[in-house]
N, C-alpha and C. Protein backbone atom coordinates (compact mmCIF):
# COMPACT_ATOMS: atom_id res chain seq x y z
N MET A 1 93.14 -87.57 -23.59
CA MET A 1 94.42 -87.26 -23.02
C MET A 1 94.97 -88.54 -22.64
N ARG A 2 96.25 -88.74 -22.96
CA ARG A 2 97.02 -89.92 -22.63
C ARG A 2 97.53 -89.84 -21.09
N LEU A 3 97.97 -90.90 -20.67
CA LEU A 3 98.43 -90.92 -19.29
C LEU A 3 99.80 -90.15 -19.25
N SER A 4 100.50 -90.27 -20.27
CA SER A 4 101.82 -89.53 -20.21
C SER A 4 101.55 -87.90 -20.22
N GLU A 5 100.51 -87.59 -20.95
CA GLU A 5 100.16 -86.19 -20.96
C GLU A 5 99.68 -85.80 -19.48
N PHE A 6 98.85 -86.67 -18.99
CA PHE A 6 98.38 -86.28 -17.49
C PHE A 6 99.56 -86.20 -16.49
N GLN A 7 100.37 -87.00 -16.81
CA GLN A 7 101.54 -86.96 -15.72
C GLN A 7 102.45 -85.78 -16.17
N ARG A 8 102.59 -85.34 -17.32
CA ARG A 8 103.30 -84.17 -17.68
C ARG A 8 102.63 -82.88 -17.23
N ALA A 9 101.32 -82.92 -17.34
CA ALA A 9 100.57 -81.72 -16.78
C ALA A 9 100.68 -81.57 -15.29
N LEU A 10 100.63 -82.78 -14.59
CA LEU A 10 100.91 -82.75 -13.18
C LEU A 10 102.29 -82.19 -12.80
N ASN A 11 103.16 -82.64 -13.49
CA ASN A 11 104.52 -82.28 -13.17
C ASN A 11 104.71 -80.78 -13.40
N GLU A 12 104.08 -80.19 -14.47
CA GLU A 12 104.33 -78.76 -14.88
C GLU A 12 103.54 -77.96 -13.88
N GLU A 13 102.39 -78.32 -13.42
CA GLU A 13 101.50 -77.48 -12.49
C GLU A 13 102.17 -77.69 -11.01
N PHE A 14 102.46 -78.62 -10.70
CA PHE A 14 102.76 -78.91 -9.12
C PHE A 14 104.34 -79.22 -8.94
N GLY A 15 105.14 -79.38 -9.98
CA GLY A 15 106.58 -79.69 -9.90
C GLY A 15 106.79 -81.23 -9.83
N ASP A 16 108.00 -81.55 -9.99
CA ASP A 16 108.21 -83.02 -10.18
C ASP A 16 107.93 -83.80 -8.97
N ALA A 17 108.48 -83.15 -7.81
CA ALA A 17 108.48 -83.89 -6.46
C ALA A 17 107.08 -84.05 -6.00
N TYR A 18 106.21 -82.80 -6.00
CA TYR A 18 104.93 -82.72 -5.41
C TYR A 18 103.84 -83.31 -6.34
N ALA A 19 104.06 -83.49 -7.53
CA ALA A 19 103.17 -84.04 -8.54
C ALA A 19 102.74 -85.54 -8.26
N GLY A 20 103.67 -86.23 -7.76
CA GLY A 20 103.46 -87.65 -7.11
C GLY A 20 102.67 -87.78 -5.85
N VAL A 21 102.88 -86.71 -5.03
CA VAL A 21 102.09 -86.68 -3.82
C VAL A 21 100.81 -86.39 -4.08
N VAL A 22 100.51 -85.40 -5.07
CA VAL A 22 99.19 -84.95 -5.31
C VAL A 22 98.40 -86.17 -6.03
N ARG A 23 99.08 -86.92 -6.92
CA ARG A 23 98.54 -88.04 -7.71
C ARG A 23 98.10 -89.09 -6.72
N ARG A 24 99.00 -89.37 -5.72
CA ARG A 24 98.70 -90.62 -4.86
C ARG A 24 97.80 -90.27 -3.72
N GLU A 25 97.85 -88.94 -3.11
CA GLU A 25 97.32 -88.71 -1.72
C GLU A 25 96.26 -87.71 -1.80
N HIS A 26 96.15 -86.67 -2.64
CA HIS A 26 95.10 -85.78 -2.67
C HIS A 26 93.65 -86.34 -2.95
N TRP A 27 92.90 -86.38 -2.01
CA TRP A 27 91.34 -86.87 -2.14
C TRP A 27 90.57 -85.96 -2.99
N LEU A 28 90.07 -86.67 -4.16
CA LEU A 28 89.17 -85.87 -5.13
C LEU A 28 87.67 -86.33 -4.84
N THR A 29 87.05 -85.28 -4.32
CA THR A 29 85.56 -85.41 -3.90
C THR A 29 84.81 -85.88 -5.08
N ALA A 30 85.04 -85.20 -6.24
CA ALA A 30 84.12 -85.48 -7.26
C ALA A 30 84.29 -86.99 -7.87
N LEU A 31 85.66 -87.62 -7.50
CA LEU A 31 85.78 -88.92 -8.01
C LEU A 31 85.81 -90.02 -6.95
N ASP A 32 85.55 -89.58 -5.73
CA ASP A 32 85.62 -90.41 -4.59
C ASP A 32 86.87 -91.18 -4.34
N GLY A 33 87.90 -90.52 -4.51
CA GLY A 33 89.30 -91.08 -4.33
C GLY A 33 90.40 -90.12 -4.86
N THR A 34 91.58 -90.86 -4.84
CA THR A 34 92.71 -89.99 -5.37
C THR A 34 92.66 -90.15 -6.80
N ALA A 35 93.51 -89.30 -7.42
CA ALA A 35 93.74 -89.36 -8.84
C ALA A 35 94.30 -90.97 -9.20
N GLU A 36 95.17 -91.42 -8.50
CA GLU A 36 95.70 -92.75 -8.71
C GLU A 36 94.72 -93.81 -8.65
N ASP A 37 93.70 -93.74 -7.67
CA ASP A 37 92.53 -94.55 -7.39
C ASP A 37 91.70 -94.48 -8.65
N ALA A 38 91.32 -93.32 -9.17
CA ALA A 38 90.40 -93.03 -10.17
C ALA A 38 90.95 -93.65 -11.49
N LEU A 39 92.21 -93.41 -11.79
CA LEU A 39 92.96 -93.96 -13.07
C LEU A 39 92.88 -95.50 -12.94
N SER A 40 93.15 -96.09 -11.72
CA SER A 40 93.28 -97.67 -11.65
C SER A 40 91.85 -98.09 -11.88
N ARG A 41 90.78 -97.39 -11.48
CA ARG A 41 89.43 -97.78 -11.87
C ARG A 41 88.99 -97.57 -13.16
N GLY A 42 89.79 -97.06 -14.15
CA GLY A 42 89.66 -96.82 -15.42
C GLY A 42 88.95 -95.52 -15.77
N VAL A 43 88.84 -94.60 -14.87
CA VAL A 43 88.47 -93.20 -15.19
C VAL A 43 89.37 -92.54 -16.24
N PRO A 44 88.89 -92.00 -17.30
CA PRO A 44 89.77 -91.42 -18.22
C PRO A 44 90.74 -90.34 -17.66
N ALA A 45 91.97 -90.30 -18.06
CA ALA A 45 92.89 -89.25 -17.48
C ALA A 45 92.45 -87.77 -17.58
N ARG A 46 91.91 -87.64 -18.74
CA ARG A 46 91.21 -86.24 -19.13
C ARG A 46 90.29 -85.96 -17.80
N GLU A 47 89.33 -86.77 -17.63
CA GLU A 47 88.43 -86.43 -16.35
C GLU A 47 89.03 -86.27 -15.04
N VAL A 48 90.19 -87.11 -14.81
CA VAL A 48 90.89 -86.98 -13.69
C VAL A 48 91.54 -85.69 -13.56
N TRP A 49 92.14 -85.19 -14.75
CA TRP A 49 92.84 -83.97 -14.82
C TRP A 49 91.90 -82.80 -14.35
N PHE A 50 90.74 -82.78 -15.20
CA PHE A 50 89.76 -81.70 -14.95
C PHE A 50 89.17 -81.61 -13.46
N ALA A 51 89.00 -82.89 -12.85
CA ALA A 51 88.51 -82.99 -11.51
C ALA A 51 89.71 -82.34 -10.76
N LEU A 52 90.78 -82.78 -10.92
CA LEU A 52 91.99 -82.34 -10.10
C LEU A 52 92.06 -80.74 -10.08
N CYS A 53 91.83 -80.20 -11.47
CA CYS A 53 91.91 -78.71 -11.67
C CYS A 53 90.87 -78.05 -10.72
N ASP A 54 89.66 -78.60 -11.03
CA ASP A 54 88.45 -77.96 -10.18
C ASP A 54 88.78 -78.01 -8.70
N GLU A 55 89.25 -79.15 -8.22
CA GLU A 55 89.58 -79.38 -6.68
C GLU A 55 90.57 -78.37 -6.14
N MET A 56 91.73 -78.24 -6.96
CA MET A 56 92.83 -77.37 -6.59
C MET A 56 92.64 -75.97 -7.12
N GLN A 57 91.54 -75.68 -7.76
CA GLN A 57 91.35 -74.25 -8.10
C GLN A 57 92.33 -73.78 -9.15
N ILE A 58 92.86 -74.65 -9.95
CA ILE A 58 93.59 -74.24 -11.08
C ILE A 58 92.83 -73.35 -12.01
N PRO A 59 93.51 -72.08 -12.29
CA PRO A 59 92.91 -71.12 -13.32
C PRO A 59 92.75 -71.84 -14.59
N GLU A 60 91.81 -71.52 -15.36
CA GLU A 60 91.42 -71.83 -16.74
C GLU A 60 92.60 -71.74 -17.58
N ALA A 61 93.30 -70.62 -17.41
CA ALA A 61 94.55 -70.53 -18.23
C ALA A 61 95.56 -71.56 -18.11
N ARG A 62 95.54 -72.36 -17.05
CA ARG A 62 96.61 -73.14 -16.78
C ARG A 62 96.18 -74.62 -16.92
N ARG A 63 94.97 -74.84 -17.43
CA ARG A 63 94.40 -76.08 -17.46
C ARG A 63 94.86 -76.63 -18.87
N HIS A 64 96.06 -76.74 -19.04
CA HIS A 64 96.61 -76.96 -20.31
C HIS A 64 96.88 -78.41 -20.57
N GLY A 65 96.60 -79.39 -19.72
CA GLY A 65 97.17 -80.83 -19.74
C GLY A 65 96.74 -81.44 -21.15
N ARG A 66 95.56 -81.19 -21.59
CA ARG A 66 95.11 -81.69 -22.92
C ARG A 66 95.92 -81.32 -23.94
N GLY A 67 96.57 -82.39 -24.75
CA GLY A 67 97.25 -82.07 -25.88
C GLY A 67 98.66 -81.79 -25.71
N LEU A 68 99.10 -81.93 -24.55
CA LEU A 68 100.77 -81.79 -24.40
C LEU A 68 101.38 -82.87 -25.19
N LEU A 69 102.45 -82.52 -25.98
CA LEU A 69 103.08 -83.49 -26.69
C LEU A 69 104.18 -84.14 -25.90
N ASP A 70 104.63 -85.52 -26.30
CA ASP A 70 105.69 -86.20 -25.77
C ASP A 70 107.02 -85.36 -26.24
N PRO A 71 107.78 -85.34 -25.23
CA PRO A 71 109.05 -84.80 -25.65
C PRO A 71 109.70 -85.67 -26.73
N PRO A 72 110.69 -84.87 -27.62
CA PRO A 72 111.34 -85.69 -28.73
C PRO A 72 112.36 -86.54 -28.02
N VAL A 73 112.53 -87.76 -28.71
CA VAL A 73 113.37 -88.77 -28.33
C VAL A 73 114.84 -88.61 -28.76
């Protein structure tokens, strides 16, 4: 999962405004920090996405972040 796919998945799941809050402020127990912290430490975006899905109890059917395509230019 690329970082752009991760951000798109956050935006789709939480909305554009709240996605940034989740990324910067929600503590992920499994990663011992926020999503932003984990990404800056080099944790792969896919691992961060799945930790976030687990923590926020996102249903399996909506854990679609992997493989989202970039929008056409």
